[in-house]
């Protein structure tokens, strides 16, 4: 199983952060289905202040390209992503429209 770590910032507003966390306490079933259908077997998101950190464990069928293509053609995923963008903001140096940024592993014990 392969693991990826990604990061993203939220808008630094306590009310917006609380709303974002509320949405993530009851993620829409269609979103959960799209995640598992893509080959993601385990996902966790952690928050420190306005910084998010995601850990994804994926099987051999997962690819970022396939996930992106499937998401682009899924109206419910697009609705979720548009909603979430009200709470998220790009990291410094992110490309236009880029949200979650893949992190580079620099140490392993």
C-alpha atoms as a PDB file:
ATOM      1  CA  UNK A   1       0.000   0.000   0.000  1.00  0.00           C
ATOM      2  CA  UNK A   2       1.321   3.430  -0.923  1.00  0.00           C
ATOM      3  CA  UNK A   3       0.947   6.503   1.275  1.00  0.00           C
ATOM      4  CA  UNK A   4       0.664  10.125   0.164  1.00  0.00           C
ATOM      5  CA  UNK A   5       0.691  13.217   2.360  1.00  0.00           C
ATOM      6  CA  UNK A   6      -0.838  16.484   1.206  1.00  0.00           C
ATOM      7  CA  UNK A   7      -1.358  19.916   2.705  1.00  0.00           C
ATOM      8  CA  UNK A   8      -3.725  22.847   2.272  1.00  0.00           C
ATOM      9  CA  UNK A   9      -4.629  26.004   4.180  1.00  0.00           C
ATOM     10  CA  UNK A  10      -8.029  27.082   5.400  1.00  0.00           C
ATOM     11  CA  UNK A  11      -9.068  30.700   5.555  1.00  0.00           C
ATOM     12  CA  UNK A  12      -7.929  31.933   8.946  1.00  0.00           C
ATOM     13  CA  UNK A  13     -11.397  32.563  10.363  1.00  0.00           C
ATOM     14  CA  UNK A  14     -12.601  30.598  13.424  1.00  0.00           C
ATOM     15  CA  UNK A  15     -16.230  30.527  12.214  1.00  0.00           C
ATOM     16  CA  UNK A  16     -15.275  29.238   8.760  1.00  0.00           C
ATOM     17  CA  UNK A  17     -12.942  26.637  10.277  1.00  0.00           C
ATOM     18  CA  UNK A  18     -15.742  25.425  12.564  1.00  0.00           C
ATOM     19  CA  UNK A  19     -18.098  25.130   9.580  1.00  0.00           C
ATOM     20  CA  UNK A  20     -15.458  23.239   7.583  1.00  0.00           C
ATOM     21  CA  UNK A  21     -14.995  20.773  10.428  1.00  0.00           C
ATOM     22  CA  UNK A  22     -18.767  20.364  10.734  1.00  0.00           C
ATOM     23  CA  UNK A  23     -18.991  19.384   7.057  1.00  0.00           C
ATOM     24  CA  UNK A  24     -16.221  16.854   7.629  1.00  0.00           C
ATOM     25  CA  UNK A  25     -18.066  15.286  10.554  1.00  0.00           C
ATOM     26  CA  UNK A  26     -20.748  14.201   8.070  1.00  0.00           C
ATOM     27  CA  UNK A  27     -19.156  13.989   4.618  1.00  0.00           C
ATOM     28  CA  UNK A  28     -21.704  13.389   1.890  1.00  0.00           C
ATOM     29  CA  UNK A  29     -22.039   9.684   0.961  1.00  0.00           C
ATOM     30  CA  UNK A  30     -21.323  10.437  -2.708  1.00  0.00           C
ATOM     31  CA  UNK A  31     -17.992  11.991  -1.731  1.00  0.00           C
ATOM     32  CA  UNK A  32     -17.035   9.011   0.414  1.00  0.00           C
ATOM     33  CA  UNK A  33     -17.968   6.717  -2.485  1.00  0.00           C
ATOM     34  CA  UNK A  34     -15.844   8.709  -4.941  1.00  0.00           C
ATOM     35  CA  UNK A  35     -12.885   8.462  -2.546  1.00  0.00           C
ATOM     36  CA  UNK A  36     -13.108   4.703  -2.119  1.00  0.00           C
ATOM     37  CA  UNK A  37     -13.896   4.103  -5.807  1.00  0.00           C
ATOM     38  CA  UNK A  38     -10.623   5.822  -6.724  1.00  0.00           C
ATOM     39  CA  UNK A  39      -8.515   3.314  -4.786  1.00  0.00           C
ATOM     40  CA  UNK A  40      -8.064   5.342  -1.611  1.00  0.00           C
ATOM     41  CA  UNK A  41      -8.402   2.853   1.229  1.00  0.00           C
ATOM     42  CA  UNK A  42      -7.687   5.099   4.185  1.00  0.00           C
ATOM     43  CA  UNK A  43      -7.718   8.870   4.577  1.00  0.00           C
ATOM     44  CA  UNK A  44      -7.143  11.125   7.572  1.00  0.00           C
ATOM     45  CA  UNK A  45      -7.097  14.913   7.772  1.00  0.00           C
ATOM     46  CA  UNK A  46      -5.445  16.768  10.644  1.00  0.00           C
ATOM     47  CA  UNK A  47      -5.578  20.487  11.417  1.00  0.00           C
ATOM     48  CA  UNK A  48      -3.222  22.856  13.186  1.00  0.00           C
ATOM     49  CA  UNK A  49      -4.550  26.403  13.173  1.00  0.00           C
ATOM     50  CA  UNK A  50      -5.551  26.980   9.579  1.00  0.00           C
ATOM     51  CA  UNK A  51      -3.141  24.385   8.125  1.00  0.00           C
ATOM     52  CA  UNK A  52      -4.496  20.993   7.043  1.00  0.00           C
ATOM     53  CA  UNK A  53      -2.504  17.797   6.623  1.00  0.00           C
ATOM     54  CA  UNK A  54      -3.961  14.779   4.792  1.00  0.00           C
ATOM     55  CA  UNK A  55      -2.673  11.221   4.829  1.00  0.00           C
ATOM     56  CA  UNK A  56      -3.967   8.895   2.112  1.00  0.00           C
ATOM     57  CA  UNK A  57      -3.227   5.208   1.850  1.00  0.00           C
ATOM     58  CA  UNK A  58      -4.029   3.887  -1.604  1.00  0.00           C
ATOM     59  CA  UNK A  59      -4.092   0.569  -3.406  1.00  0.00           C
ATOM     60  CA  UNK A  60      -2.463  -0.279  -6.734  1.00  0.00           C
ATOM     61  CA  UNK A  61      -5.448   1.008  -8.751  1.00  0.00           C
ATOM     62  CA  UNK A  62      -5.091   4.603  -7.514  1.00  0.00           C
ATOM     63  CA  UNK A  63      -3.681   7.413  -9.640  1.00  0.00           C
ATOM     64  CA  UNK A  64      -4.004  11.169  -9.181  1.00  0.00           C
ATOM     65  CA  UNK A  65      -4.802  11.540 -12.878  1.00  0.00           C
ATOM     66  CA  UNK A  66      -7.672   9.023 -12.788  1.00  0.00           C
ATOM     67  CA  UNK A  67      -9.046  10.526  -9.564  1.00  0.00           C
ATOM     68  CA  UNK A  68      -8.956  14.005 -11.094  1.00  0.00           C
ATOM     69  CA  UNK A  69     -10.717  12.840 -14.265  1.00  0.00           C
ATOM     70  CA  UNK A  70     -13.407  10.992 -12.289  1.00  0.00           C
ATOM     71  CA  UNK A  71     -13.943  14.015 -10.032  1.00  0.00           C
ATOM     72  CA  UNK A  72     -14.252  16.357 -13.009  1.00  0.00           C
ATOM     73  CA  UNK A  73     -17.128  14.289 -14.407  1.00  0.00           C
ATOM     74  CA  UNK A  74     -18.923  13.827 -11.067  1.00  0.00           C
ATOM     75  CA  UNK A  75     -21.389  16.663 -10.436  1.00  0.00           C
ATOM     76  CA  UNK A  76     -21.699  15.866  -6.705  1.00  0.00           C
ATOM     77  CA  UNK A  77     -17.913  15.985  -6.252  1.00  0.00           C
ATOM     78  CA  UNK A  78     -17.829  19.292  -8.125  1.00  0.00           C
ATOM     79  CA  UNK A  79     -20.582  20.644  -5.865  1.00  0.00           C
ATOM     80  CA  UNK A  80     -18.592  19.541  -2.769  1.00  0.00           C
ATOM     81  CA  UNK A  81     -15.347  21.031  -4.092  1.00  0.00           C
ATOM     82  CA  UNK A  82     -17.037  24.356  -4.868  1.00  0.00           C
ATOM     83  CA  UNK A  83     -18.516  24.413  -1.373  1.00  0.00           C
ATOM     84  CA  UNK A  84     -15.183  23.524   0.270  1.00  0.00           C
ATOM     85  CA  UNK A  85     -13.388  26.283  -1.654  1.00  0.00           C
ATOM     86  CA  UNK A  86     -15.393  28.764   0.452  1.00  0.00           C
ATOM     87  CA  UNK A  87     -13.269  27.617   3.404  1.00  0.00           C
ATOM     88  CA  UNK A  88      -9.965  26.788   1.724  1.00  0.00           C
ATOM     89  CA  UNK A  89      -7.231  28.978   0.310  1.00  0.00           C
ATOM     90  CA  UNK A  90      -4.239  28.134  -1.838  1.00  0.00           C
ATOM     91  CA  UNK A  91      -0.848  27.653  -0.294  1.00  0.00           C
ATOM     92  CA  UNK A  92       1.848  30.173  -1.200  1.00  0.00           C
ATOM     93  CA  UNK A  93       3.346  29.079  -4.504  1.00  0.00           C
ATOM     94  CA  UNK A  94       0.315  26.998  -5.554  1.00  0.00           C
ATOM     95  CA  UNK A  95      -0.626  27.028  -9.216  1.00  0.00           C
ATOM     96  CA  UNK A  96      -3.963  28.666 -10.126  1.00  0.00           C
ATOM     97  CA  UNK A  97      -6.812  26.398  -8.990  1.00  0.00           C
ATOM     98  CA  UNK A  98      -4.447  24.056  -7.144  1.00  0.00           C
ATOM     99  CA  UNK A  99      -5.727  22.984  -3.748  1.00  0.00           C
ATOM    100  CA  UNK A 100      -4.124  20.070  -1.948  1.00  0.00           C
ATOM    101  CA  UNK A 101      -0.354  20.041  -2.496  1.00  0.00           C
ATOM    102  CA  UNK A 102       1.561  16.778  -2.441  1.00  0.00           C
ATOM    103  CA  UNK A 103       4.253  16.838   0.215  1.00  0.00           C
ATOM    104  CA  UNK A 104       7.742  15.391  -0.203  1.00  0.00           C
ATOM    105  CA  UNK A 105       8.904  12.838   2.345  1.00  0.00           C
ATOM    106  CA  UNK A 106      12.245  13.940   3.765  1.00  0.00           C
ATOM    107  CA  UNK A 107      12.698  11.423   6.603  1.00  0.00           C
ATOM    108  CA  UNK A 108      11.704   7.846   7.387  1.00  0.00           C
ATOM    109  CA  UNK A 109      12.623   5.855  10.495  1.00  0.00           C
END
